[in-house]
Amino acid sequence: QVQLVESGGGLVQPGGSLRLSCAASGFTFQFASVTWYRQAPGKGHELVASISGGGAALNYADSVKGRFTISRDNAQNTVYLQMNSLKPEDTAVYFCRWGDYWGRGTQVTVSS
């Protein structure tokens, strides 16, 4: 059974940092491209960042380039999203996705 479980969200002040984790199971993780999405209140899903199975191919939304870093640890079946210099507009529920499978998300709130 495929499972994706996000963690690491929370409340942070503008300019702060968070690291999100996506723990995966139920599929061959080392070959899987994984994508982080986010959904702000009243908006659709927005692609944030993606990483290929080997970790060589990375893709970022323009809105997060230079602030967010996606990485993976295939030994731990986990993908990370390091988020620095957070802004109020980064407030959203963050999801990880593999193929048709989505996690339940973790809330990130950036507010003073």
N, C-alpha and C. Protein backbone atom coordinates (compact mmCIF):
# COMPACT_ATOMS: atom_id res chain seq x y z
N GLN A 1 0.85 -1.19 0.00
CA GLN A 1 0.00 0.00 0.00
C GLN A 1 0.88 1.24 0.00
N VAL A 2 0.64 2.11 -0.98
CA VAL A 2 1.43 3.34 -1.08
C VAL A 2 1.01 4.32 0.01
N GLN A 3 2.00 4.85 0.69
CA GLN A 3 1.74 5.89 1.68
C GLN A 3 2.75 7.01 1.54
N LEU A 4 2.27 8.23 1.65
CA LEU A 4 3.10 9.43 1.69
C LEU A 4 2.66 10.23 2.92
N VAL A 5 3.59 10.49 3.81
CA VAL A 5 3.24 11.17 5.05
C VAL A 5 4.13 12.40 5.22
N GLU A 6 3.50 13.57 5.19
CA GLU A 6 4.22 14.82 5.35
C GLU A 6 4.30 15.20 6.83
N SER A 7 5.37 15.89 7.18
CA SER A 7 5.53 16.41 8.53
C SER A 7 6.46 17.62 8.48
N GLY A 8 6.51 18.35 9.59
CA GLY A 8 7.43 19.46 9.71
C GLY A 8 6.81 20.84 9.58
N GLY A 9 5.52 20.90 9.30
CA GLY A 9 4.87 22.19 9.19
C GLY A 9 4.71 22.86 10.54
N GLY A 10 4.23 24.10 10.50
CA GLY A 10 4.02 24.83 11.74
C GLY A 10 3.86 26.31 11.48
N LEU A 11 3.92 27.06 12.57
CA LEU A 11 3.82 28.52 12.52
C LEU A 11 5.21 29.11 12.63
N VAL A 12 5.55 30.00 11.71
CA VAL A 12 6.87 30.61 11.71
C VAL A 12 6.73 32.08 11.33
N GLN A 13 7.63 32.90 11.84
CA GLN A 13 7.60 34.33 11.51
C GLN A 13 8.19 34.57 10.13
N PRO A 14 7.81 35.65 9.49
CA PRO A 14 8.43 35.99 8.20
C PRO A 14 9.95 36.04 8.33
N GLY A 15 10.62 35.49 7.33
CA GLY A 15 12.07 35.40 7.37
C GLY A 15 12.60 34.13 8.00
N GLY A 16 11.72 33.37 8.61
CA GLY A 16 12.12 32.14 9.27
C GLY A 16 12.26 30.97 8.33
N SER A 17 12.55 29.81 8.91
CA SER A 17 12.79 28.59 8.13
C SER A 17 12.01 27.42 8.70
N LEU A 18 11.70 26.49 7.82
CA LEU A 18 11.12 25.21 8.20
C LEU A 18 11.69 24.15 7.26
N ARG A 19 11.73 22.92 7.74
CA ARG A 19 12.07 21.79 6.87
C ARG A 19 10.93 20.79 6.90
N LEU A 20 10.36 20.57 5.76
CA LEU A 20 9.30 19.58 5.63
C LEU A 20 9.88 18.24 5.21
N SER A 21 9.23 17.18 5.67
CA SER A 21 9.62 15.82 5.28
C SER A 21 8.44 15.10 4.66
N CYS A 22 8.74 14.24 3.71
CA CYS A 22 7.73 13.38 3.09
C CYS A 22 8.26 11.96 3.18
N ALA A 23 7.69 11.17 4.07
CA ALA A 23 8.12 9.78 4.26
C ALA A 23 7.26 8.88 3.38
N ALA A 24 7.93 8.09 2.54
CA ALA A 24 7.22 7.27 1.55
C ALA A 24 7.37 5.79 1.84
N SER A 25 6.37 5.03 1.46
CA SER A 25 6.42 3.57 1.58
C SER A 25 5.47 2.95 0.58
N GLY A 26 5.71 1.67 0.28
CA GLY A 26 4.80 0.94 -0.58
C GLY A 26 5.15 0.96 -2.05
N PHE A 27 6.28 1.56 -2.43
CA PHE A 27 6.71 1.56 -3.82
C PHE A 27 8.23 1.68 -3.85
N THR A 28 8.79 1.49 -5.06
CA THR A 28 10.25 1.53 -5.20
C THR A 28 10.69 2.98 -5.22
N PHE A 29 11.02 3.46 -4.05
CA PHE A 29 11.24 4.90 -3.85
C PHE A 29 12.44 5.41 -4.63
N GLN A 30 13.51 4.62 -4.70
CA GLN A 30 14.76 5.15 -5.25
C GLN A 30 14.63 5.55 -6.72
N PHE A 31 13.63 5.05 -7.43
CA PHE A 31 13.45 5.40 -8.84
C PHE A 31 12.33 6.41 -9.06
N ALA A 32 11.72 6.86 -8.00
CA ALA A 32 10.51 7.66 -8.10
C ALA A 32 10.79 9.15 -8.06
N SER A 33 10.26 9.87 -9.02
CA SER A 33 10.24 11.33 -8.94
C SER A 33 9.13 11.73 -7.97
N VAL A 34 9.43 12.67 -7.11
CA VAL A 34 8.48 13.13 -6.09
C VAL A 34 8.35 14.64 -6.20
N THR A 35 7.15 15.12 -6.01
CA THR A 35 6.86 16.55 -6.17
C THR A 35 6.19 17.10 -4.92
N TRP A 36 6.60 18.28 -4.52
CA TRP A 36 5.91 19.04 -3.47
C TRP A 36 4.95 20.01 -4.15
N TYR A 37 3.73 20.06 -3.63
CA TYR A 37 2.73 21.04 -4.03
C TYR A 37 2.28 21.81 -2.80
N ARG A 38 1.61 22.89 -3.02
CA ARG A 38 0.98 23.60 -1.92
C ARG A 38 -0.37 24.14 -2.37
N GLN A 39 -1.22 24.33 -1.40
CA GLN A 39 -2.55 24.88 -1.68
C GLN A 39 -2.85 25.92 -0.62
N ALA A 40 -2.92 27.17 -1.06
CA ALA A 40 -3.28 28.27 -0.17
C ALA A 40 -4.80 28.34 -0.08
N PRO A 41 -5.32 28.97 0.98
CA PRO A 41 -6.77 29.07 1.13
C PRO A 41 -7.43 29.68 -0.10
N GLY A 42 -8.44 28.99 -0.61
CA GLY A 42 -9.19 29.51 -1.73
C GLY A 42 -8.51 29.38 -3.08
N LYS A 43 -7.38 28.69 -3.13
CA LYS A 43 -6.63 28.56 -4.39
C LYS A 43 -6.43 27.10 -4.74
N GLY A 44 -6.00 26.85 -5.96
CA GLY A 44 -5.72 25.51 -6.41
C GLY A 44 -4.32 25.05 -6.00
N HIS A 45 -4.00 23.82 -6.38
CA HIS A 45 -2.68 23.29 -6.07
C HIS A 45 -1.62 23.98 -6.94
N GLU A 46 -0.52 24.32 -6.32
CA GLU A 46 0.60 24.95 -7.02
C GLU A 46 1.83 24.06 -6.86
N LEU A 47 2.47 23.73 -7.99
CA LEU A 47 3.71 22.97 -7.90
C LEU A 47 4.79 23.83 -7.26
N VAL A 48 5.47 23.28 -6.27
CA VAL A 48 6.51 24.00 -5.55
C VAL A 48 7.89 23.55 -6.02
N ALA A 49 8.13 22.23 -5.98
CA ALA A 49 9.44 21.69 -6.35
C ALA A 49 9.32 20.21 -6.63
N SER A 50 10.19 19.71 -7.50
CA SER A 50 10.20 18.28 -7.78
C SER A 50 11.63 17.79 -7.84
N ILE A 51 11.79 16.49 -7.64
CA ILE A 51 13.11 15.88 -7.65
C ILE A 51 13.01 14.51 -8.30
N SER A 52 13.97 14.19 -9.15
CA SER A 52 13.98 12.90 -9.82
C SER A 52 14.46 11.81 -8.86
N GLY A 53 14.34 10.55 -9.32
CA GLY A 53 14.70 9.42 -8.46
C GLY A 53 16.14 9.47 -7.98
N GLY A 54 17.03 9.82 -8.90
CA GLY A 54 18.44 9.90 -8.53
C GLY A 54 18.83 11.20 -7.87
N GLY A 55 17.91 12.15 -7.89
CA GLY A 55 18.19 13.43 -7.25
C GLY A 55 18.90 14.44 -8.14
N ALA A 56 19.18 14.05 -9.40
CA ALA A 56 19.94 14.95 -10.25
C ALA A 56 19.07 16.03 -10.88
N ALA A 57 17.83 15.71 -11.16
CA ALA A 57 16.94 16.65 -11.84
C ALA A 57 16.05 17.33 -10.80
N LEU A 58 16.18 18.65 -10.71
CA LEU A 58 15.41 19.43 -9.76
C LEU A 58 14.62 20.49 -10.51
N ASN A 59 13.46 20.81 -9.99
CA ASN A 59 12.62 21.82 -10.61
C ASN A 59 11.96 22.63 -9.50
N TYR A 60 11.91 23.95 -9.69
CA TYR A 60 11.32 24.83 -8.68
C TYR A 60 10.35 25.81 -9.33
N ALA A 61 9.32 26.16 -8.61
CA ALA A 61 8.48 27.27 -9.01
C ALA A 61 9.29 28.56 -8.90
N ASP A 62 9.01 29.50 -9.79
CA ASP A 62 9.74 30.77 -9.76
C ASP A 62 9.58 31.47 -8.40
N SER A 63 8.44 31.27 -7.79
CA SER A 63 8.15 31.97 -6.54
C SER A 63 9.00 31.49 -5.37
N VAL A 64 9.64 30.33 -5.51
CA VAL A 64 10.43 29.80 -4.39
C VAL A 64 11.91 29.63 -4.73
N LYS A 65 12.28 29.88 -5.97
CA LYS A 65 13.69 29.72 -6.37
C LYS A 65 14.60 30.58 -5.51
N GLY A 66 15.68 29.98 -5.07
CA GLY A 66 16.64 30.69 -4.24
C GLY A 66 16.30 30.68 -2.76
N ARG A 67 15.08 30.23 -2.41
CA ARG A 67 14.67 30.18 -1.01
C ARG A 67 14.40 28.76 -0.53
N PHE A 68 13.88 27.93 -1.42
CA PHE A 68 13.53 26.54 -1.07
C PHE A 68 14.52 25.59 -1.73
N THR A 69 14.80 24.49 -1.04
CA THR A 69 15.66 23.45 -1.59
C THR A 69 15.02 22.09 -1.37
N ILE A 70 14.88 21.33 -2.45
CA ILE A 70 14.35 19.97 -2.35
C ILE A 70 15.51 18.99 -2.37
N SER A 71 15.40 17.95 -1.56
CA SER A 71 16.44 16.92 -1.52
C SER A 71 15.79 15.59 -1.13
N ARG A 72 16.58 14.53 -1.19
CA ARG A 72 16.03 13.22 -0.83
C ARG A 72 17.10 12.35 -0.20
N ASP A 73 16.64 11.42 0.62
CA ASP A 73 17.49 10.42 1.23
C ASP A 73 16.86 9.07 0.88
N ASN A 74 17.41 8.42 -0.13
CA ASN A 74 16.80 7.17 -0.58
C ASN A 74 16.94 6.05 0.45
N ALA A 75 17.93 6.14 1.32
CA ALA A 75 18.06 5.14 2.37
C ALA A 75 16.93 5.25 3.39
N GLN A 76 16.40 6.45 3.55
CA GLN A 76 15.32 6.71 4.50
C GLN A 76 13.96 6.82 3.82
N ASN A 77 13.93 6.64 2.49
CA ASN A 77 12.67 6.79 1.73
C ASN A 77 11.97 8.11 2.05
N THR A 78 12.75 9.17 2.06
CA THR A 78 12.22 10.47 2.46
C THR A 78 12.68 11.56 1.52
N VAL A 79 11.76 12.45 1.20
CA VAL A 79 12.07 13.67 0.46
C VAL A 79 11.88 14.86 1.40
N TYR A 80 12.78 15.82 1.29
CA TYR A 80 12.75 16.99 2.16
C TYR A 80 12.49 18.25 1.35
N LEU A 81 11.94 19.24 2.02
CA LEU A 81 11.81 20.57 1.44
C LEU A 81 12.29 21.57 2.49
N GLN A 82 13.48 22.08 2.29
CA GLN A 82 14.03 23.12 3.17
C GLN A 82 13.52 24.47 2.69
N MET A 83 12.85 25.17 3.56
CA MET A 83 12.23 26.44 3.20
C MET A 83 12.86 27.54 4.05
N ASN A 84 13.53 28.46 3.40
CA ASN A 84 14.18 29.59 4.08
C ASN A 84 13.55 30.89 3.63
N SER A 85 13.81 31.94 4.37
CA SER A 85 13.30 33.28 4.04
C SER A 85 11.80 33.23 3.75
N LEU A 86 11.07 32.60 4.63
CA LEU A 86 9.64 32.41 4.40
C LEU A 86 8.89 33.73 4.42
N LYS A 87 7.85 33.78 3.58
CA LYS A 87 7.03 34.97 3.43
C LYS A 87 5.57 34.62 3.77
N PRO A 88 4.78 35.60 4.12
CA PRO A 88 3.36 35.30 4.40
C PRO A 88 2.67 34.60 3.24
N GLU A 89 3.07 34.91 2.02
CA GLU A 89 2.44 34.27 0.86
C GLU A 89 2.84 32.82 0.68
N ASP A 90 3.76 32.32 1.49
CA ASP A 90 4.08 30.89 1.48
C ASP A 90 3.10 30.09 2.35
N THR A 91 2.22 30.78 3.05
CA THR A 91 1.23 30.10 3.88
C THR A 91 0.34 29.21 3.03
N ALA A 92 0.29 27.94 3.37
CA ALA A 92 -0.47 26.96 2.59
C ALA A 92 -0.38 25.60 3.26
N VAL A 93 -1.18 24.68 2.77
CA VAL A 93 -0.98 23.27 3.10
C VAL A 93 -0.04 22.69 2.05
N TYR A 94 1.00 22.03 2.51
CA TYR A 94 2.01 21.47 1.62
C TYR A 94 1.82 19.97 1.52
N PHE A 95 1.80 19.49 0.28
CA PHE A 95 1.58 18.07 0.00
C PHE A 95 2.76 17.52 -0.79
N CYS A 96 3.04 16.23 -0.60
CA CYS A 96 3.94 15.56 -1.53
C CYS A 96 3.13 14.58 -2.37
N ARG A 97 3.64 14.34 -3.56
CA ARG A 97 2.92 13.53 -4.53
C ARG A 97 3.88 12.62 -5.28
N TRP A 98 3.44 11.37 -5.49
CA TRP A 98 4.11 10.44 -6.38
C TRP A 98 3.05 9.83 -7.29
N GLY A 99 3.14 10.08 -8.58
CA GLY A 99 2.15 9.57 -9.52
C GLY A 99 0.77 10.06 -9.12
N ASP A 100 -0.16 9.14 -8.93
CA ASP A 100 -1.52 9.50 -8.55
C ASP A 100 -1.72 9.56 -7.04
N TYR A 101 -0.64 9.37 -6.30
CA TYR A 101 -0.75 9.28 -4.84
C TYR A 101 -0.30 10.60 -4.19
N TRP A 102 -1.11 11.02 -3.24
CA TRP A 102 -0.86 12.26 -2.50
C TRP A 102 -0.84 11.96 -1.01
N GLY A 103 -0.03 12.71 -0.28
CA GLY A 103 -0.14 12.68 1.17
C GLY A 103 -1.29 13.54 1.64
N ARG A 104 -1.46 13.61 2.94
CA ARG A 104 -2.57 14.39 3.50
C ARG A 104 -2.19 15.85 3.74
N GLY A 105 -0.92 16.13 3.66
CA GLY A 105 -0.49 17.51 3.77
C GLY A 105 -0.06 17.92 5.17
N THR A 106 0.71 19.00 5.22
CA THR A 106 1.13 19.61 6.48
C THR A 106 0.98 21.12 6.35
N GLN A 107 0.41 21.74 7.37
CA GLN A 107 0.10 23.18 7.32
C GLN A 107 1.35 24.00 7.62
N VAL A 108 1.60 24.97 6.78
CA VAL A 108 2.65 25.97 7.01
C VAL A 108 1.99 27.34 7.09
N THR A 109 2.22 28.02 8.20
CA THR A 109 1.67 29.37 8.38
C THR A 109 2.81 30.33 8.68
N VAL A 110 2.92 31.35 7.85
CA VAL A 110 3.96 32.36 8.02
C VAL A 110 3.28 33.66 8.43
N SER A 111 3.51 34.03 9.68
CA SER A 111 2.82 35.20 10.22
C SER A 111 3.58 35.74 11.41
N SER A 112 3.49 37.07 11.56
CA SER A 112 4.11 37.68 12.74
C SER A 112 3.09 37.83 13.86
